[in-house]
C-alpha atoms as a PDB file:
ATOM      1  CA  MET A   1      88.679 130.939 125.618  1.00  0.00           C
ATOM      2  CA  VAL A   2      89.526 134.602 126.392  1.00  0.00           C
ATOM      3  CA  ASP A   3      87.267 136.649 128.127  1.00  0.00           C
ATOM      4  CA  PRO A   4      85.168 139.425 125.596  1.00  0.00           C
ATOM      5  CA  LEU A   5      86.032 142.995 125.807  1.00  0.00           C
ATOM      6  CA  PRO A   6      83.979 144.873 127.446  1.00  0.00           C
ATOM      7  CA  LEU A   7      81.907 147.158 124.784  1.00  0.00           C
ATOM      8  CA  ILE A   8      80.139 150.301 126.006  1.00  0.00           C
ATOM      9  CA  ALA A   9      78.676 152.553 123.515  1.00  0.00           C
ATOM     10  CA  TYR A  10      78.845 155.834 125.210  1.00  0.00           C
ATOM     11  CA  ASP A  11      75.430 158.265 124.223  1.00  0.00           C
ATOM     12  CA  THR A  12      77.619 161.502 124.183  1.00  0.00           C
ATOM     13  CA  LEU A  13      80.680 162.858 122.024  1.00  0.00           C
ATOM     14  CA  ALA A  14      82.414 163.505 125.662  1.00  0.00           C
ATOM     15  CA  GLU A  15      82.067 160.084 126.678  1.00  0.00           C
ATOM     16  CA  GLN A  16      83.296 158.490 123.956  1.00  0.00           C
ATOM     17  CA  THR A  17      86.764 160.980 123.698  1.00  0.00           C
ATOM     18  CA  GLU A  18      86.926 160.182 127.590  1.00  0.00           C
ATOM     19  CA  ALA A  19      86.840 156.461 126.840  1.00  0.00           C
ATOM     20  CA  LEU A  20      89.920 156.676 124.750  1.00  0.00           C
ATOM     21  CA  TYR A  21      92.314 158.352 127.306  1.00  0.00           C
ATOM     22  CA  ARG A  22      90.587 156.108 129.895  1.00  0.00           C
ATOM     23  CA  ASP A  23      90.004 152.748 127.949  1.00  0.00           C
ATOM     24  CA  GLY A  24      92.240 153.350 125.255  1.00  0.00           C
ATOM     25  CA  TYR A  25      89.661 152.792 122.936  1.00  0.00           C
ATOM     26  CA  ALA A  26      85.834 153.732 121.815  1.00  0.00           C
ATOM     27  CA  TYR A  27      83.230 151.534 120.669  1.00  0.00           C
ATOM     28  CA  LEU A  28      81.030 152.872 117.598  1.00  0.00           C
ATOM     29  CA  PRO A  29      77.854 150.013 116.940  1.00  0.00           C
ATOM     30  CA  GLY A  30      76.062 150.116 114.211  1.00  0.00           C
ATOM     31  CA  ILE A  31      78.206 152.375 112.031  1.00  0.00           C
ATOM     32  CA  LEU A  32      77.312 150.608 108.791  1.00  0.00           C
ATOM     33  CA  THR A  33      73.874 148.788 107.708  1.00  0.00           C
ATOM     34  CA  SER A  34      74.057 145.258 106.501  1.00  0.00           C
ATOM     35  CA  ASP A  35      73.734 146.630 102.722  1.00  0.00           C
ATOM     36  CA  GLN A  36      76.674 148.710 102.910  1.00  0.00           C
ATOM     37  CA  VAL A  37      78.744 146.143 105.038  1.00  0.00           C
ATOM     38  CA  ALA A  38      77.611 143.827 101.538  1.00  0.00           C
ATOM     39  CA  LYS A  39      78.937 146.174  99.353  1.00  0.00           C
ATOM     40  CA  LEU A  40      82.306 147.582 101.313  1.00  0.00           C
ATOM     41  CA  ARG A  41      83.243 144.199 101.498  1.00  0.00           C
ATOM     42  CA  ASP A  42      82.588 143.343  97.640  1.00  0.00           C
ATOM     43  CA  HIS A  43      84.915 146.441  96.607  1.00  0.00           C
ATOM     44  CA  MET A  44      87.517 145.204  99.092  1.00  0.00           C
ATOM     45  CA  ASP A  45      87.114 141.848  97.334  1.00  0.00           C
ATOM     46  CA  ALA A  46      87.886 143.132  93.521  1.00  0.00           C
ATOM     47  CA  LEU A  47      91.065 144.798  94.770  1.00  0.00           C
ATOM     48  CA  THR A  48      94.163 144.113  93.311  1.00  0.00           C
ATOM     49  CA  PRO A  49      97.614 144.322  95.329  1.00  0.00           C
ATOM     50  CA  ILE A  50      99.996 146.608  93.900  1.00  0.00           C
ATOM     51  CA  SER A  51     103.748 145.657  95.182  1.00  0.00           C
ATOM     52  CA  GLU A  52     105.319 148.974  95.024  1.00  0.00           C
ATOM     53  CA  SER A  53     102.651 150.445  97.671  1.00  0.00           C
ATOM     54  CA  PHE A  54     103.703 148.005  99.533  1.00  0.00           C
ATOM     55  CA  ASP A  55     100.670 145.666  99.200  1.00  0.00           C
ATOM     56  CA  LYS A  56     100.486 142.237 100.683  1.00  0.00           C
ATOM     57  CA  ASN A  57      99.087 139.314  98.446  1.00  0.00           C
ATOM     58  CA  GLY A  58      99.418 136.374 100.636  1.00  0.00           C
ATOM     59  CA  ARG A  59      98.168 133.285  99.047  1.00  0.00           C
ATOM     60  CA  PRO A  60      97.504 129.563 100.241  1.00  0.00           C
ATOM     61  CA  GLU A  61     100.336 128.005  98.137  1.00  0.00           C
ATOM     62  CA  ASP A  62     102.853 130.679  99.294  1.00  0.00           C
ATOM     63  CA  VAL A  63     102.026 131.457 103.029  1.00  0.00           C
ATOM     64  CA  GLY A  64      99.231 128.750 104.132  1.00  0.00           C
ATOM     65  CA  PHE A  65      96.660 131.318 104.476  1.00  0.00           C
ATOM     66  CA  ILE A  66      95.135 133.961 102.673  1.00  0.00           C
ATOM     67  CA  ASN A  67      96.779 137.296 103.683  1.00  0.00           C
ATOM     68  CA  LYS A  68      95.412 140.395 100.894  1.00  0.00           C
ATOM     69  CA  HIS A  69      96.590 143.700 102.459  1.00  0.00           C
ATOM     70  CA  ILE A  70      95.648 146.627 100.285  1.00  0.00           C
ATOM     71  CA  ASN A  71      97.361 150.092 100.987  1.00  0.00           C
ATOM     72  CA  ASN A  72      95.553 153.543  99.917  1.00  0.00           C
ATOM     73  CA  ALA A  73      91.975 152.334  99.889  1.00  0.00           C
ATOM     74  CA  PHE A  74      90.527 155.640  99.248  1.00  0.00           C
ATOM     75  CA  ASN A  75      92.786 156.113  96.084  1.00  0.00           C
ATOM     76  CA  ARG A  76      91.494 152.474  94.327  1.00  0.00           C
ATOM     77  CA  HIS A  77      88.118 153.588  94.318  1.00  0.00           C
ATOM     78  CA  ALA A  78      85.611 156.231  94.942  1.00  0.00           C
ATOM     79  CA  HIS A  79      83.747 154.385  96.906  1.00  0.00           C
ATOM     80  CA  PHE A  80      86.268 154.108  99.941  1.00  0.00           C
ATOM     81  CA  LEU A  81      86.421 158.264 100.042  1.00  0.00           C
ATOM     82  CA  GLN A  82      82.846 157.965 102.477  1.00  0.00           C
ATOM     83  CA  PHE A  83      85.170 156.214 105.247  1.00  0.00           C
ATOM     84  CA  LEU A  84      87.339 158.817 105.433  1.00  0.00           C
ATOM     85  CA  ASP A  85      84.564 160.999 107.135  1.00  0.00           C
ATOM     86  CA  ARG A  86      82.086 158.165 108.279  1.00  0.00           C
ATOM     87  CA  PRO A  87      79.505 159.952 110.077  1.00  0.00           C
ATOM     88  CA  GLY A  88      79.843 158.729 113.920  1.00  0.00           C
ATOM     89  CA  VAL A  89      83.332 158.145 113.077  1.00  0.00           C
ATOM     90  CA  ILE A  90      84.982 160.974 111.807  1.00  0.00           C
ATOM     91  CA  GLU A  91      83.610 163.673 115.309  1.00  0.00           C
ATOM     92  CA  LEU A  92      85.377 161.349 117.481  1.00  0.00           C
ATOM     93  CA  ALA A  93      89.090 161.501 115.256  1.00  0.00           C
ATOM     94  CA  GLU A  94      88.488 165.040 114.827  1.00  0.00           C
ATOM     95  CA  ALA A  95      87.573 166.071 118.982  1.00  0.00           C
ATOM     96  CA  ILE A  96      90.880 163.977 119.764  1.00  0.00           C
ATOM     97  CA  HIS A  97      93.172 164.894 117.071  1.00  0.00           C
ATOM     98  CA  GLY A  98      91.809 168.337 115.752  1.00  0.00           C
ATOM     99  CA  ASN A  99      89.921 170.018 113.122  1.00  0.00           C
ATOM    100  CA  ASP A 100      92.617 169.923 110.986  1.00  0.00           C
ATOM    101  CA  CYS A 101      93.248 166.242 111.410  1.00  0.00           C
ATOM    102  CA  HIS A 102      93.957 164.180 108.134  1.00  0.00           C
ATOM    103  CA  CYS A 103      94.078 160.176 107.559  1.00  0.00           C
ATOM    104  CA  ILE A 104      97.702 158.813 107.333  1.00  0.00           C
ATOM    105  CA  GLY A 105      96.409 155.231 106.034  1.00  0.00           C
ATOM    106  CA  MET A 106      93.513 153.387 104.902  1.00  0.00           C
ATOM    107  CA  THR A 107      94.061 149.688 104.846  1.00  0.00           C
ATOM    108  CA  ALA A 108      91.853 147.114 103.274  1.00  0.00           C
ATOM    109  CA  TRP A 109      92.712 143.539 104.684  1.00  0.00           C
ATOM    110  CA  MET A 110      91.633 140.365 104.203  1.00  0.00           C
ATOM    111  CA  THR A 111      92.884 137.299 105.964  1.00  0.00           C
ATOM    112  CA  GLY A 112      91.959 133.684 105.274  1.00  0.00           C
ATOM    113  CA  PRO A 113      91.649 130.296 107.003  1.00  0.00           C
ATOM    114  CA  GLY A 114      94.650 129.559 109.011  1.00  0.00           C
ATOM    115  CA  ARG A 115      95.960 132.805 109.741  1.00  0.00           C
ATOM    116  CA  PRO A 116      98.156 132.312 112.591  1.00  0.00           C
ATOM    117  CA  ASP A 117      98.157 134.439 115.984  1.00  0.00           C
ATOM    118  CA  GLN A 118     100.187 137.649 116.021  1.00  0.00           C
ATOM    119  CA  ASN A 119     102.275 138.610 119.371  1.00  0.00           C
ATOM    120  CA  LEU A 120     100.882 141.422 121.646  1.00  0.00           C
ATOM    121  CA  HIS A 121     102.554 144.883 120.379  1.00  0.00           C
ATOM    122  CA  THR A 122     101.798 148.506 120.236  1.00  0.00           C
ATOM    123  CA  ASP A 123     100.678 150.114 116.402  1.00  0.00           C
ATOM    124  CA  TRP A 124     103.440 153.406 117.887  1.00  0.00           C
ATOM    125  CA  LEU A 125     104.596 154.472 121.362  1.00  0.00           C
ATOM    126  CA  PRO A 126     105.058 157.985 120.952  1.00  0.00           C
ATOM    127  CA  LEU A 127     106.400 158.496 123.892  1.00  0.00           C
ATOM    128  CA  SER A 128     108.243 155.905 126.533  1.00  0.00           C
ATOM    129  CA  LEU A 129     107.420 157.143 129.796  1.00  0.00           C
ATOM    130  CA  PRO A 130     106.868 155.610 133.227  1.00  0.00           C
ATOM    131  CA  ALA A 131     103.226 154.281 134.182  1.00  0.00           C
ATOM    132  CA  ASP A 132     103.114 156.589 137.516  1.00  0.00           C
ATOM    133  CA  ILE A 133     103.701 159.430 135.320  1.00  0.00           C
ATOM    134  CA  LEU A 134     101.123 158.685 133.007  1.00  0.00           C
ATOM    135  CA  GLU A 135      98.668 157.544 136.022  1.00  0.00           C
ATOM    136  CA  ASP A 136      99.141 160.892 137.212  1.00  0.00           C
ATOM    137  CA  SER A 137      95.979 162.931 137.346  1.00  0.00           C
ATOM    138  CA  ARG A 138      97.829 165.879 136.303  1.00  0.00           C
ATOM    139  CA  VAL A 139      99.204 164.484 133.139  1.00  0.00           C
ATOM    140  CA  ARG A 140      96.990 163.765 130.149  1.00  0.00           C
ATOM    141  CA  ILE A 141      99.440 162.866 126.999  1.00  0.00           C
ATOM    142  CA  PRO A 142      97.692 163.871 123.794  1.00  0.00           C
ATOM    143  CA  ILE A 143      96.449 160.885 121.534  1.00  0.00           C
ATOM    144  CA  PHE A 144      98.707 161.545 118.421  1.00  0.00           C
ATOM    145  CA  ILE A 145      97.322 158.299 116.129  1.00  0.00           C
ATOM    146  CA  THR A 146      94.196 156.221 116.427  1.00  0.00           C
ATOM    147  CA  THR A 147      92.663 153.429 113.992  1.00  0.00           C
ATOM    148  CA  ALA A 148      89.260 152.848 113.139  1.00  0.00           C
ATOM    149  CA  HIS A 149      88.587 149.192 112.541  1.00  0.00           C
ATOM    150  CA  PHE A 150      85.686 149.094 110.606  1.00  0.00           C
ATOM    151  CA  TYR A 151      84.555 144.962 111.169  1.00  0.00           C
ATOM    152  CA  LEU A 152      82.791 143.378 108.598  1.00  0.00           C
ATOM    153  CA  ASP A 153      81.980 139.927 109.997  1.00  0.00           C
ATOM    154  CA  ASP A 154      80.305 139.091 112.863  1.00  0.00           C
ATOM    155  CA  ILE A 155      82.823 138.391 114.704  1.00  0.00           C
ATOM    156  CA  SER A 156      83.629 134.831 116.752  1.00  0.00           C
ATOM    157  CA  GLU A 157      86.313 133.116 118.490  1.00  0.00           C
ATOM    158  CA  ALA A 158      87.143 130.827 115.407  1.00  0.00           C
ATOM    159  CA  LEU A 159      86.987 134.105 112.635  1.00  0.00           C
ATOM    160  CA  GLY A 160      90.082 135.597 114.516  1.00  0.00           C
ATOM    161  CA  PRO A 161      88.866 138.407 116.729  1.00  0.00           C
ATOM    162  CA  THR A 162      91.426 141.579 117.815  1.00  0.00           C
ATOM    163  CA  ASN A 163      92.782 141.086 121.475  1.00  0.00           C
ATOM    164  CA  PHE A 164      93.256 144.395 123.933  1.00  0.00           C
ATOM    165  CA  ILE A 165      94.477 144.495 127.142  1.00  0.00           C
ATOM    166  CA  PRO A 166      92.365 147.560 128.440  1.00  0.00           C
ATOM    167  CA  GLY A 167      94.694 150.159 129.825  1.00  0.00           C
ATOM    168  CA  SER A 168      97.397 149.510 128.602  1.00  0.00           C
ATOM    169  CA  HIS A 169      98.321 152.613 126.965  1.00  0.00           C
ATOM    170  CA  LEU A 170      98.843 153.662 129.912  1.00  0.00           C
ATOM    171  CA  SER A 171     102.119 151.678 130.775  1.00  0.00           C
ATOM    172  CA  GLY A 172     104.552 153.850 128.630  1.00  0.00           C
ATOM    173  CA  ARG A 173     105.995 151.128 126.687  1.00  0.00           C
ATOM    174  CA  SER A 174     105.615 147.894 124.430  1.00  0.00           C
ATOM    175  CA  PRO A 175     104.538 144.819 125.940  1.00  0.00           C
ATOM    176  CA  ASN A 176     108.193 143.072 125.112  1.00  0.00           C
ATOM    177  CA  GLY A 177     106.658 139.829 125.591  1.00  0.00           C
ATOM    178  CA  ASP A 178     104.380 140.918 128.410  1.00  0.00           C
ATOM    179  CA  THR A 179     100.548 139.093 128.460  1.00  0.00           C
ATOM    180  CA  THR A 180      98.738 140.990 131.352  1.00  0.00           C
ATOM    181  CA  TRP A 181      99.049 144.454 132.515  1.00  0.00           C
ATOM    182  CA  LYS A 182      98.116 145.061 136.222  1.00  0.00           C
ATOM    183  CA  GLY A 183      96.269 142.245 136.674  1.00  0.00           C
ATOM    184  CA  GLN A 184      94.607 142.916 132.896  1.00  0.00           C
ATOM    185  CA  THR A 185      94.429 139.982 130.903  1.00  0.00           C
ATOM    186  CA  GLU A 186      93.455 140.203 126.925  1.00  0.00           C
ATOM    187  CA  LYS A 187      89.845 140.943 126.152  1.00  0.00           C
ATOM    188  CA  SER A 188      88.470 139.919 122.647  1.00  0.00           C
ATOM    189  CA  ILE A 189      86.516 142.408 120.589  1.00  0.00           C
ATOM    190  CA  MET A 190      83.264 140.287 119.971  1.00  0.00           C
ATOM    191  CA  CYS A 191      81.317 142.692 118.165  1.00  0.00           C
ATOM    192  CA  ASN A 192      78.972 142.555 114.807  1.00  0.00           C
ATOM    193  CA  ALA A 193      79.692 143.535 111.107  1.00  0.00           C
ATOM    194  CA  GLY A 194      79.093 146.993 110.757  1.00  0.00           C
ATOM    195  CA  ASP A 195      80.577 147.947 114.166  1.00  0.00           C
ATOM    196  CA  VAL A 196      83.873 150.025 114.415  1.00  0.00           C
ATOM    197  CA  VAL A 197      86.109 150.387 117.391  1.00  0.00           C
ATOM    198  CA  ILE A 198      88.524 153.129 117.378  1.00  0.00           C
ATOM    199  CA  PHE A 199      91.504 153.088 119.795  1.00  0.00           C
ATOM    200  CA  ARG A 200      95.186 154.640 120.182  1.00  0.00           C
ATOM    201  CA  SER A 201      98.055 153.430 119.002  1.00  0.00           C
ATOM    202  CA  GLU A 202      99.482 152.624 121.852  1.00  0.00           C
ATOM    203  CA  VAL A 203      97.153 149.641 123.534  1.00  0.00           C
ATOM    204  CA  TRP A 204      98.924 146.273 123.673  1.00  0.00           C
ATOM    205  CA  HIS A 205      96.292 144.537 120.933  1.00  0.00           C
ATOM    206  CA  ARG A 206      97.234 141.468 118.408  1.00  0.00           C
ATOM    207  CA  GLY A 207      95.115 139.804 115.828  1.00  0.00           C
ATOM    208  CA  THR A 208      94.170 136.370 116.725  1.00  0.00           C
ATOM    209  CA  ALA A 209      94.265 132.464 114.275  1.00  0.00           C
ATOM    210  CA  ASN A 210      91.676 132.336 112.085  1.00  0.00           C
ATOM    211  CA  THR A 211      90.467 128.484 112.725  1.00  0.00           C
ATOM    212  CA  SER A 212      87.290 129.202 110.408  1.00  0.00           C
ATOM    213  CA  ASP A 213      86.680 128.590 106.995  1.00  0.00           C
ATOM    214  CA  LYS A 214      85.943 132.189 106.455  1.00  0.00           C
ATOM    215  CA  THR A 215      87.927 134.913 105.111  1.00  0.00           C
ATOM    216  CA  ARG A 216      87.686 137.969 107.577  1.00  0.00           C
ATOM    217  CA  PHE A 217      87.605 141.506 106.195  1.00  0.00           C
ATOM    218  CA  LEU A 218      88.265 144.635 108.044  1.00  0.00           C
ATOM    219  CA  LEU A 219      88.516 148.172 106.719  1.00  0.00           C
ATOM    220  CA  GLN A 220      91.476 150.109 108.985  1.00  0.00           C
ATOM    221  CA  VAL A 221      91.171 153.882 108.546  1.00  0.00           C
ATOM    222  CA  HIS A 222      94.236 155.518 110.496  1.00  0.00           C
ATOM    223  CA  TYR A 223      94.033 159.132 111.666  1.00  0.00           C
ATOM    224  CA  ALA A 224      96.477 161.455 113.147  1.00  0.00           C
ATOM    225  CA  LYS A 225      97.468 164.885 114.241  1.00  0.00           C
ATOM    226  CA  ARG A 226      98.458 167.394 111.792  1.00  0.00           C
ATOM    227  CA  MET A 227     101.881 166.631 112.615  1.00  0.00           C
ATOM    228  CA  ILE A 228     102.080 163.385 111.891  1.00  0.00           C
ATOM    229  CA  THR A 229     103.304 162.410 108.452  1.00  0.00           C
ATOM    230  CA  GLN A 230     100.665 160.549 106.138  1.00  0.00           C
ATOM    231  CA  LYS A 231     101.983 157.058 105.129  1.00  0.00           C
ATOM    232  CA  TYR A 232     100.925 156.740 101.161  1.00  0.00           C
ATOM    233  CA  PRO A 233     103.346 154.216  99.582  1.00  0.00           C
ATOM    234  CA  PRO A 234     105.030 154.038  97.092  1.00  0.00           C
ATOM    235  CA  TYR A 235     107.586 157.829  98.325  1.00  0.00           C
ATOM    236  CA  LEU A 236     109.306 160.479  96.343  1.00  0.00           C
ATOM    237  CA  ASN A 237     106.579 161.177  94.556  1.00  0.00           C
ATOM    238  CA  ARG A 238     105.985 158.263  93.132  1.00  0.00           C
ATOM    239  CA  PHE A 239     102.524 157.974  94.866  1.00  0.00           C
ATOM    240  CA  GLN A 240      99.480 160.043  92.637  1.00  0.00           C
ATOM    241  CA  PHE A 241      96.553 160.511  93.753  1.00  0.00           C
ATOM    242  CA  ASP A 242      93.704 159.169  91.040  1.00  0.00           C
ATOM    243  CA  PRO A 243      92.197 162.722  89.497  1.00  0.00           C
ATOM    244  CA  GLU A 244      88.896 161.121  88.872  1.00  0.00           C
ATOM    245  CA  ILE A 245      88.391 160.046  92.310  1.00  0.00           C
ATOM    246  CA  LEU A 246      89.709 163.489  93.866  1.00  0.00           C
ATOM    247  CA  GLU A 247      87.299 165.251  91.849  1.00  0.00           C
ATOM    248  CA  GLN A 248      84.372 163.223  93.394  1.00  0.00           C
ATOM    249  CA  ALA A 249      86.050 163.788  96.963  1.00  0.00           C
ATOM    250  CA  THR A 250      84.205 166.653  99.064  1.00  0.00           C
ATOM    251  CA  PRO A 251      86.178 169.339 100.925  1.00  0.00           C
ATOM    252  CA  ARG A 252      86.469 167.463 104.298  1.00  0.00           C
ATOM    253  CA  GLN A 253      87.893 164.282 102.253  1.00  0.00           C
ATOM    254  CA  ARG A 254      90.038 166.267 100.706  1.00  0.00           C
ATOM    255  CA  ARG A 255      91.693 167.623 103.864  1.00  0.00           C
ATOM    256  CA  LEU A 256      91.762 164.354 105.325  1.00  0.00           C
ATOM    257  CA  MET A 257      93.542 163.417 102.629  1.00  0.00           C
ATOM    258  CA  GLY A 258      95.945 166.124 103.119  1.00  0.00           C
ATOM    259  CA  ASP A 259      94.585 169.516 101.404  1.00  0.00           C
ATOM    260  CA  HIS A 260      95.774 171.779 104.247  1.00  0.00           C
ATOM    261  CA  LYS A 261      95.959 175.204 104.939  1.00  0.00           C
ATOM    262  CA  SER A 262      99.614 176.719 105.455  1.00  0.00           C
ATOM    263  CA  SER A 263     100.737 176.390 108.914  1.00  0.00           C
ATOM    264  CA  ASN A 264     103.829 175.789 110.899  1.00  0.00           C
ATOM    265  CA  TYR A 265     106.953 174.319 109.027  1.00  0.00           C
ATOM    266  CA  ASP A 266     104.950 174.880 105.269  1.00  0.00           C
END
């Protein structure tokens, strides 16, 4: 049994920001109500994978478990627009990445019974540096990418929690087979439906096996600094925004989807 990850709900934006720099993650409880969770699950369940968008449609008869992974969810139904700038989350994303930040991806992910353990990994390591440099109080590396996990289940050990190694973003490298960092072992995110955990791309983490009889629902919203490219497949201008959905977006949501003012390199 893996110990639970310490989930501290900091009251101020400054404390949440500091947690991302110090621990690599921040816990944002109760972002969605139970009714909002149920409605989001229904919309995710109704999505149909599109292969050219790099969606996954793993089925038990093919891969041994349900693995439905839908990219560009904001472009599939207007209901998903609100999760681009969800109150309680977007303020932290903008504090970390700047007021001109954007969403580089939004994925609706459903994993069923039989989903195996992942290996510990980083999502992206922008800088490979010796740990003693990163731990120097004079050095603060910008946070280039974060992911907000919207948990849509009450997480149990059987359902397959996400495991983190707190502070591992300060290692300056990917795990490369290691399972501990400076004495820290994996900790499981044991949170409730409607909670959000936002973490930086360098944290060592993994998904764990779903040994339950239920499908786990997770919405991932990936934020980044303006200069980081958006990941909206298919590429070479084959991705197109749905005009009816775009018409319903607020100015902030449009900016998060890429409606930027002219800037460097434009």
